[in-house]
């Protein structure tokens, strides 16, 4: 899907996130014990995803707030950002359910990105004016922190 240049840095990070989600999913199919994934997931969540979520929340929550048609989508985005924190907090290498939590993390990553790219971002591009989008773009380009796709799993 073609993304406006104002939001493209988020979409670049989303592309990287989809690659990561696919790698987690594929690795879980091969391995019964995902413990070797935990340092990678910890790094991705702690150093990149939380930053990515902050960029989204800081850049377009305030300008999109006056539009009632965005309310449910914004609520979903924020709820899913919170779900990442909750799942991440439950990932424990000593827990027999670690496989389940790692799987949920990867699925949520995939589904969350698809939701934002297919529903939320097109609505933002439609509702906000050029000046608002430019302001968002300046912030996002300044704050952009690419998510590394290289992974040792």
N, C-alpha and C. Protein backbone atom coordinates (compact mmCIF):
# COMPACT_ATOMS: atom_id res chain seq x y z
N UNK A 1 0.84 -1.18 0.00
CA UNK A 1 0.00 0.00 0.00
C UNK A 1 0.89 1.25 0.00
N UNK A 2 0.54 2.20 -0.82
CA UNK A 2 1.30 3.44 -0.92
C UNK A 2 0.99 4.32 0.29
N UNK A 3 2.02 4.74 0.95
CA UNK A 3 1.88 5.57 2.14
C UNK A 3 2.33 6.98 1.82
N UNK A 4 1.69 7.98 2.42
CA UNK A 4 2.11 9.36 2.22
C UNK A 4 3.52 9.53 2.78
N UNK A 5 4.26 10.45 2.21
CA UNK A 5 5.63 10.64 2.66
C UNK A 5 5.69 11.13 4.10
N UNK A 6 4.62 11.74 4.58
CA UNK A 6 4.61 12.23 5.95
C UNK A 6 4.63 11.10 6.98
N UNK A 7 4.07 9.95 6.63
CA UNK A 7 4.02 8.83 7.56
C UNK A 7 4.94 7.68 7.16
N UNK A 8 5.74 7.88 6.13
CA UNK A 8 6.50 6.76 5.58
C UNK A 8 7.54 6.19 6.55
N UNK A 9 8.11 6.99 7.44
CA UNK A 9 9.09 6.40 8.36
C UNK A 9 8.44 5.37 9.28
N UNK A 10 7.19 5.63 9.68
CA UNK A 10 6.47 4.64 10.48
C UNK A 10 6.23 3.38 9.65
N UNK A 11 5.90 3.55 8.39
CA UNK A 11 5.66 2.40 7.52
C UNK A 11 6.94 1.60 7.27
N UNK A 12 8.07 2.29 7.20
CA UNK A 12 9.35 1.57 7.07
C UNK A 12 9.56 0.68 8.29
N UNK A 13 9.29 1.25 9.47
CA UNK A 13 9.42 0.47 10.70
C UNK A 13 8.40 -0.67 10.74
N UNK A 14 7.21 -0.42 10.20
CA UNK A 14 6.21 -1.48 10.13
C UNK A 14 6.67 -2.62 9.24
N UNK A 15 7.30 -2.29 8.14
CA UNK A 15 7.82 -3.35 7.26
C UNK A 15 8.82 -4.22 8.03
N UNK A 16 9.72 -3.57 8.73
CA UNK A 16 10.69 -4.31 9.54
C UNK A 16 9.98 -5.16 10.59
N UNK A 17 8.95 -4.61 11.19
CA UNK A 17 8.19 -5.34 12.20
C UNK A 17 7.50 -6.57 11.63
N UNK A 18 7.00 -6.48 10.40
CA UNK A 18 6.37 -7.65 9.77
C UNK A 18 7.39 -8.75 9.51
N UNK A 19 8.59 -8.35 9.13
CA UNK A 19 9.66 -9.34 8.93
C UNK A 19 9.97 -10.04 10.26
N UNK A 20 10.05 -9.27 11.32
CA UNK A 20 10.32 -9.83 12.65
C UNK A 20 9.19 -10.77 13.07
N UNK A 21 7.94 -10.35 12.87
CA UNK A 21 6.80 -11.21 13.24
C UNK A 21 6.83 -12.52 12.47
N UNK A 22 7.17 -12.45 11.18
CA UNK A 22 7.24 -13.68 10.37
C UNK A 22 8.37 -14.59 10.86
N UNK A 23 9.49 -14.00 11.22
CA UNK A 23 10.61 -14.81 11.73
C UNK A 23 10.26 -15.49 13.04
N UNK A 24 9.56 -14.77 13.92
CA UNK A 24 9.14 -15.37 15.19
C UNK A 24 8.19 -16.53 14.90
N UNK A 25 7.21 -16.30 14.05
CA UNK A 25 6.23 -17.34 13.71
C UNK A 25 6.92 -18.56 13.11
N UNK A 26 7.79 -18.34 12.16
CA UNK A 26 8.47 -19.46 11.50
C UNK A 26 9.36 -20.22 12.48
N UNK A 27 10.04 -19.48 13.36
CA UNK A 27 10.90 -20.15 14.31
C UNK A 27 10.10 -20.97 15.31
N UNK A 28 8.94 -20.47 15.71
CA UNK A 28 8.10 -21.22 16.65
C UNK A 28 7.57 -22.50 16.02
N UNK A 29 7.39 -22.50 14.71
CA UNK A 29 6.96 -23.72 14.03
C UNK A 29 8.04 -24.79 14.08
N UNK A 30 9.29 -24.36 14.08
CA UNK A 30 10.43 -25.29 14.04
C UNK A 30 10.87 -25.77 15.41
N UNK A 31 10.73 -24.92 16.41
CA UNK A 31 11.30 -25.20 17.73
C UNK A 31 10.21 -25.36 18.79
N UNK A 32 10.40 -26.29 19.66
CA UNK A 32 9.46 -26.48 20.77
C UNK A 32 9.75 -25.52 21.92
N UNK A 33 10.96 -25.00 21.99
CA UNK A 33 11.34 -24.12 23.08
C UNK A 33 11.85 -22.79 22.53
N UNK A 34 11.09 -21.72 22.72
CA UNK A 34 11.47 -20.43 22.15
C UNK A 34 12.40 -19.60 23.02
N UNK A 35 13.01 -20.18 24.03
CA UNK A 35 13.83 -19.40 24.97
C UNK A 35 14.93 -18.64 24.25
N UNK A 36 15.48 -19.21 23.19
CA UNK A 36 16.56 -18.52 22.46
C UNK A 36 16.06 -17.24 21.79
N UNK A 37 14.73 -17.07 21.63
CA UNK A 37 14.16 -15.86 21.05
C UNK A 37 14.09 -14.71 22.05
N UNK A 38 14.12 -15.03 23.32
CA UNK A 38 13.84 -14.02 24.34
C UNK A 38 14.79 -12.83 24.34
N UNK A 39 16.10 -13.00 24.19
CA UNK A 39 16.97 -11.81 24.14
C UNK A 39 16.64 -10.92 22.94
N UNK A 40 16.29 -11.53 21.82
CA UNK A 40 15.94 -10.76 20.63
C UNK A 40 14.63 -10.00 20.85
N UNK A 41 13.61 -10.65 21.39
CA UNK A 41 12.34 -9.99 21.65
C UNK A 41 12.53 -8.88 22.67
N UNK A 42 13.33 -9.13 23.69
CA UNK A 42 13.61 -8.11 24.69
C UNK A 42 14.24 -6.87 24.04
N UNK A 43 15.22 -7.09 23.18
CA UNK A 43 15.88 -5.97 22.49
C UNK A 43 14.90 -5.22 21.59
N UNK A 44 14.13 -5.95 20.81
CA UNK A 44 13.19 -5.31 19.89
C UNK A 44 12.15 -4.50 20.66
N UNK A 45 11.56 -5.09 21.68
CA UNK A 45 10.52 -4.38 22.42
C UNK A 45 11.10 -3.19 23.19
N UNK A 46 12.15 -3.43 23.94
CA UNK A 46 12.71 -2.40 24.82
C UNK A 46 13.30 -1.23 24.04
N UNK A 47 14.05 -1.53 22.99
CA UNK A 47 14.80 -0.48 22.29
C UNK A 47 14.14 0.08 21.04
N UNK A 48 13.14 -0.60 20.51
CA UNK A 48 12.56 -0.14 19.25
C UNK A 48 11.04 0.00 19.29
N UNK A 49 10.33 -1.02 19.71
CA UNK A 49 8.87 -0.93 19.66
C UNK A 49 8.32 0.14 20.59
N UNK A 50 8.83 0.21 21.80
CA UNK A 50 8.34 1.26 22.70
C UNK A 50 8.60 2.65 22.13
N UNK A 51 9.74 2.83 21.50
CA UNK A 51 10.05 4.10 20.85
C UNK A 51 9.08 4.36 19.69
N UNK A 52 8.81 3.33 18.91
CA UNK A 52 7.88 3.44 17.78
C UNK A 52 6.48 3.84 18.30
N UNK A 53 6.02 3.19 19.36
CA UNK A 53 4.71 3.52 19.91
C UNK A 53 4.67 4.96 20.39
N UNK A 54 5.74 5.42 21.01
CA UNK A 54 5.81 6.80 21.48
C UNK A 54 5.74 7.77 20.30
N UNK A 55 6.42 7.44 19.21
CA UNK A 55 6.35 8.30 18.02
C UNK A 55 4.91 8.43 17.54
N UNK A 56 4.23 7.30 17.46
CA UNK A 56 2.84 7.34 16.99
C UNK A 56 1.98 8.18 17.93
N UNK A 57 2.10 7.92 19.22
CA UNK A 57 1.27 8.62 20.19
C UNK A 57 1.60 10.11 20.25
N UNK A 58 2.86 10.46 20.16
CA UNK A 58 3.26 11.87 20.24
C UNK A 58 2.97 12.64 18.96
N UNK A 59 2.93 11.96 17.83
CA UNK A 59 2.82 12.69 16.57
C UNK A 59 1.38 12.94 16.12
N UNK A 60 0.49 11.97 16.26
CA UNK A 60 -0.84 12.22 15.68
C UNK A 60 -2.03 12.09 16.63
N UNK A 61 -1.82 11.77 17.88
CA UNK A 61 -2.97 11.68 18.78
C UNK A 61 -3.68 13.01 18.96
N UNK A 62 -2.94 14.06 19.20
CA UNK A 62 -3.57 15.37 19.43
C UNK A 62 -4.25 15.90 18.16
N UNK A 63 -3.59 15.89 17.00
CA UNK A 63 -4.29 16.44 15.82
C UNK A 63 -5.49 15.61 15.36
N UNK A 64 -5.51 14.32 15.65
CA UNK A 64 -6.61 13.48 15.19
C UNK A 64 -7.76 13.44 16.18
N UNK A 65 -7.51 13.87 17.42
CA UNK A 65 -8.50 13.79 18.50
C UNK A 65 -9.84 14.47 18.16
N UNK A 66 -9.87 15.62 17.49
CA UNK A 66 -11.16 16.26 17.22
C UNK A 66 -12.09 15.50 16.26
N UNK A 67 -11.58 14.48 15.61
CA UNK A 67 -12.37 13.75 14.62
C UNK A 67 -13.01 12.51 15.26
N UNK A 68 -14.33 12.53 15.45
CA UNK A 68 -14.99 11.40 16.11
C UNK A 68 -14.80 10.08 15.37
N UNK A 69 -14.68 10.13 14.05
CA UNK A 69 -14.54 8.89 13.27
C UNK A 69 -13.21 8.18 13.54
N UNK A 70 -12.28 8.88 14.18
CA UNK A 70 -10.98 8.26 14.50
C UNK A 70 -10.97 7.64 15.90
N UNK A 71 -11.98 7.92 16.70
CA UNK A 71 -11.98 7.51 18.10
C UNK A 71 -11.76 6.02 18.34
N UNK A 72 -12.52 5.18 17.64
CA UNK A 72 -12.39 3.74 17.86
C UNK A 72 -11.03 3.21 17.40
N UNK A 73 -10.51 3.78 16.31
CA UNK A 73 -9.22 3.32 15.80
C UNK A 73 -8.09 3.74 16.74
N UNK A 74 -8.17 4.94 17.26
CA UNK A 74 -7.16 5.41 18.22
C UNK A 74 -7.22 4.57 19.49
N UNK A 75 -8.43 4.29 19.95
CA UNK A 75 -8.58 3.45 21.14
C UNK A 75 -7.95 2.07 20.90
N UNK A 76 -8.20 1.50 19.73
CA UNK A 76 -7.62 0.19 19.44
C UNK A 76 -6.09 0.26 19.43
N UNK A 77 -5.55 1.31 18.79
CA UNK A 77 -4.09 1.46 18.74
C UNK A 77 -3.52 1.50 20.15
N UNK A 78 -4.09 2.34 21.01
CA UNK A 78 -3.59 2.48 22.38
C UNK A 78 -3.77 1.19 23.18
N UNK A 79 -4.90 0.53 22.99
CA UNK A 79 -5.13 -0.75 23.68
C UNK A 79 -4.08 -1.77 23.27
N UNK A 80 -3.78 -1.83 21.98
CA UNK A 80 -2.79 -2.79 21.51
C UNK A 80 -1.39 -2.44 21.99
N UNK A 81 -1.06 -1.15 22.05
CA UNK A 81 0.24 -0.77 22.61
C UNK A 81 0.34 -1.28 24.05
N UNK A 82 -0.75 -1.18 24.80
CA UNK A 82 -0.77 -1.68 26.17
C UNK A 82 -0.67 -3.21 26.21
N UNK A 83 -1.30 -3.88 25.27
CA UNK A 83 -1.23 -5.34 25.21
C UNK A 83 0.22 -5.81 25.01
N UNK A 84 0.99 -5.08 24.20
CA UNK A 84 2.40 -5.43 24.03
C UNK A 84 3.11 -5.41 25.37
N UNK A 85 2.88 -4.37 26.15
CA UNK A 85 3.53 -4.26 27.46
C UNK A 85 3.12 -5.42 28.36
N UNK A 86 1.85 -5.78 28.33
CA UNK A 86 1.35 -6.87 29.18
C UNK A 86 1.94 -8.21 28.75
N UNK A 87 1.96 -8.47 27.47
CA UNK A 87 2.53 -9.74 26.99
C UNK A 87 4.02 -9.79 27.30
N UNK A 88 4.71 -8.69 27.02
CA UNK A 88 6.15 -8.64 27.29
C UNK A 88 6.44 -8.94 28.75
N UNK A 89 5.62 -8.38 29.64
CA UNK A 89 5.82 -8.60 31.08
C UNK A 89 5.61 -10.07 31.47
N UNK A 90 4.86 -10.81 30.69
CA UNK A 90 4.56 -12.21 31.00
C UNK A 90 5.59 -13.18 30.43
N UNK A 91 6.44 -12.69 29.56
CA UNK A 91 7.43 -13.58 28.94
C UNK A 91 8.54 -13.87 29.95
N UNK A 92 8.58 -15.12 30.37
CA UNK A 92 9.53 -15.56 31.38
C UNK A 92 10.12 -16.89 30.92
N UNK A 93 11.44 -16.97 30.78
CA UNK A 93 12.03 -18.21 30.27
C UNK A 93 11.77 -19.42 31.16
N UNK A 94 11.43 -19.20 32.41
CA UNK A 94 11.18 -20.31 33.33
C UNK A 94 9.71 -20.74 33.35
N UNK A 95 8.87 -19.96 32.69
CA UNK A 95 7.43 -20.26 32.66
C UNK A 95 7.15 -21.29 31.58
N UNK A 96 6.36 -22.27 31.91
CA UNK A 96 6.02 -23.31 30.92
C UNK A 96 5.17 -22.74 29.79
N UNK A 97 4.59 -21.56 29.99
CA UNK A 97 3.75 -20.92 28.96
C UNK A 97 4.54 -19.95 28.08
N UNK A 98 5.84 -19.93 28.19
CA UNK A 98 6.65 -18.98 27.43
C UNK A 98 6.37 -19.10 25.93
N UNK A 99 6.16 -20.30 25.45
CA UNK A 99 5.85 -20.54 24.03
C UNK A 99 4.59 -19.77 23.62
N UNK A 100 3.57 -19.81 24.48
CA UNK A 100 2.30 -19.13 24.20
C UNK A 100 2.51 -17.62 24.13
N UNK A 101 3.24 -17.06 25.09
CA UNK A 101 3.44 -15.62 25.13
C UNK A 101 4.28 -15.11 23.96
N UNK A 102 5.30 -15.85 23.59
CA UNK A 102 6.11 -15.46 22.44
C UNK A 102 5.25 -15.50 21.18
N UNK A 103 4.43 -16.52 21.04
CA UNK A 103 3.52 -16.61 19.90
C UNK A 103 2.55 -15.45 19.85
N UNK A 104 1.98 -15.11 21.01
CA UNK A 104 1.05 -13.96 21.08
C UNK A 104 1.75 -12.67 20.69
N UNK A 105 2.97 -12.52 21.15
CA UNK A 105 3.74 -11.31 20.83
C UNK A 105 3.89 -11.18 19.31
N UNK A 106 4.30 -12.26 18.66
CA UNK A 106 4.48 -12.23 17.21
C UNK A 106 3.18 -12.00 16.46
N UNK A 107 2.10 -12.63 16.90
CA UNK A 107 0.79 -12.45 16.26
C UNK A 107 0.30 -11.02 16.43
N UNK A 108 0.43 -10.50 17.65
CA UNK A 108 -0.01 -9.12 17.89
C UNK A 108 0.80 -8.15 17.05
N UNK A 109 2.09 -8.38 16.92
CA UNK A 109 2.93 -7.51 16.10
C UNK A 109 2.41 -7.48 14.67
N UNK A 110 2.17 -8.65 14.11
CA UNK A 110 1.65 -8.74 12.74
C UNK A 110 0.29 -8.04 12.61
N UNK A 111 -0.65 -8.41 13.47
CA UNK A 111 -2.01 -7.88 13.36
C UNK A 111 -2.07 -6.38 13.63
N UNK A 112 -1.28 -5.91 14.57
CA UNK A 112 -1.27 -4.49 14.90
C UNK A 112 -0.75 -3.66 13.72
N UNK A 113 0.30 -4.13 13.10
CA UNK A 113 0.85 -3.41 11.95
C UNK A 113 -0.15 -3.39 10.81
N UNK A 114 -0.77 -4.51 10.52
CA UNK A 114 -1.77 -4.57 9.44
C UNK A 114 -2.93 -3.61 9.73
N UNK A 115 -3.38 -3.57 10.96
CA UNK A 115 -4.45 -2.64 11.34
C UNK A 115 -4.04 -1.19 11.09
N UNK A 116 -2.87 -0.81 11.57
CA UNK A 116 -2.46 0.58 11.40
C UNK A 116 -2.29 0.94 9.93
N UNK A 117 -1.67 0.05 9.17
CA UNK A 117 -1.41 0.36 7.75
C UNK A 117 -2.70 0.38 6.92
N UNK A 118 -3.63 -0.49 7.24
CA UNK A 118 -4.84 -0.62 6.41
C UNK A 118 -6.00 0.26 6.86
N UNK A 119 -6.02 0.62 8.14
CA UNK A 119 -7.16 1.39 8.64
C UNK A 119 -6.78 2.74 9.24
N UNK A 120 -5.87 2.72 10.21
CA UNK A 120 -5.57 3.95 10.93
C UNK A 120 -4.83 4.98 10.08
N UNK A 121 -3.75 4.58 9.46
CA UNK A 121 -2.96 5.55 8.69
C UNK A 121 -3.74 6.15 7.52
N UNK A 122 -4.50 5.36 6.75
CA UNK A 122 -5.30 5.97 5.68
C UNK A 122 -6.30 7.01 6.22
N UNK A 123 -6.86 6.75 7.39
CA UNK A 123 -7.79 7.72 7.96
C UNK A 123 -7.06 8.99 8.38
N UNK A 124 -5.90 8.85 8.97
CA UNK A 124 -5.10 10.02 9.36
C UNK A 124 -4.77 10.85 8.12
N UNK A 125 -4.33 10.18 7.07
CA UNK A 125 -3.98 10.89 5.83
C UNK A 125 -5.20 11.61 5.24
N UNK A 126 -6.35 11.05 5.43
CA UNK A 126 -7.59 11.63 4.89
C UNK A 126 -8.05 12.83 5.72
N UNK A 127 -7.96 12.72 7.04
CA UNK A 127 -8.55 13.73 7.92
C UNK A 127 -7.66 14.94 8.18
N UNK A 128 -6.36 14.73 8.24
CA UNK A 128 -5.48 15.85 8.60
C UNK A 128 -5.11 16.67 7.37
N UNK A 129 -4.92 17.95 7.59
CA UNK A 129 -4.56 18.83 6.48
C UNK A 129 -3.05 18.77 6.23
N UNK A 130 -2.62 19.38 5.15
CA UNK A 130 -1.22 19.31 4.72
C UNK A 130 -0.28 19.86 5.79
N UNK A 131 -0.67 20.94 6.44
CA UNK A 131 0.19 21.54 7.47
C UNK A 131 0.35 20.59 8.67
N UNK A 132 -0.72 19.96 9.08
CA UNK A 132 -0.66 19.01 10.19
C UNK A 132 0.23 17.82 9.83
N UNK A 133 0.06 17.31 8.62
CA UNK A 133 0.87 16.18 8.18
C UNK A 133 2.34 16.55 8.08
N UNK A 134 2.64 17.76 7.63
CA UNK A 134 4.04 18.22 7.55
C UNK A 134 4.67 18.27 8.93
N UNK A 135 3.92 18.77 9.90
CA UNK A 135 4.43 18.84 11.27
C UNK A 135 4.72 17.43 11.80
N UNK A 136 3.83 16.50 11.52
CA UNK A 136 4.04 15.11 11.91
C UNK A 136 5.28 14.56 11.23
N UNK A 137 5.43 14.83 9.95
CA UNK A 137 6.59 14.34 9.21
C UNK A 137 7.90 14.84 9.80
N UNK A 138 7.97 16.12 10.13
CA UNK A 138 9.20 16.67 10.72
C UNK A 138 9.55 15.95 12.02
N UNK A 139 8.55 15.74 12.85
CA UNK A 139 8.78 15.03 14.11
C UNK A 139 9.25 13.60 13.84
N UNK A 140 8.56 12.88 12.96
CA UNK A 140 8.89 11.48 12.70
C UNK A 140 10.27 11.32 12.09
N UNK A 141 10.65 12.19 11.20
CA UNK A 141 11.99 12.09 10.59
C UNK A 141 13.08 12.36 11.62
N UNK A 142 12.80 13.27 12.53
CA UNK A 142 13.77 13.58 13.59
C UNK A 142 13.89 12.40 14.56
N UNK A 143 12.80 11.73 14.84
CA UNK A 143 12.77 10.67 15.84
C UNK A 143 12.95 9.26 15.27
N UNK A 144 13.03 9.13 13.96
CA UNK A 144 13.08 7.81 13.32
C UNK A 144 14.26 6.98 13.85
N UNK A 145 13.95 5.74 14.21
CA UNK A 145 14.95 4.80 14.73
C UNK A 145 14.63 3.46 14.08
N UNK A 146 15.31 3.14 12.98
CA UNK A 146 14.99 1.89 12.27
C UNK A 146 15.09 0.67 13.16
N UNK A 147 14.18 -0.25 12.96
CA UNK A 147 14.18 -1.51 13.69
C UNK A 147 15.07 -2.48 12.92
N UNK A 148 16.10 -3.03 13.58
CA UNK A 148 16.96 -3.96 12.86
C UNK A 148 16.24 -5.27 12.58
N UNK A 149 16.34 -5.72 11.35
CA UNK A 149 15.70 -6.98 10.98
C UNK A 149 16.64 -8.15 11.17
N UNK A 150 17.93 -7.86 11.28
CA UNK A 150 18.88 -8.94 11.48
C UNK A 150 18.55 -9.62 12.79
N UNK A 151 18.53 -10.90 12.73
CA UNK A 151 18.19 -11.59 13.94
C UNK A 151 18.92 -12.91 13.99
N UNK A 152 19.33 -13.25 15.17
CA UNK A 152 20.12 -14.47 15.37
C UNK A 152 19.26 -15.55 15.97
N UNK A 153 18.16 -15.85 15.29
CA UNK A 153 17.27 -16.89 15.80
C UNK A 153 17.29 -18.06 14.86
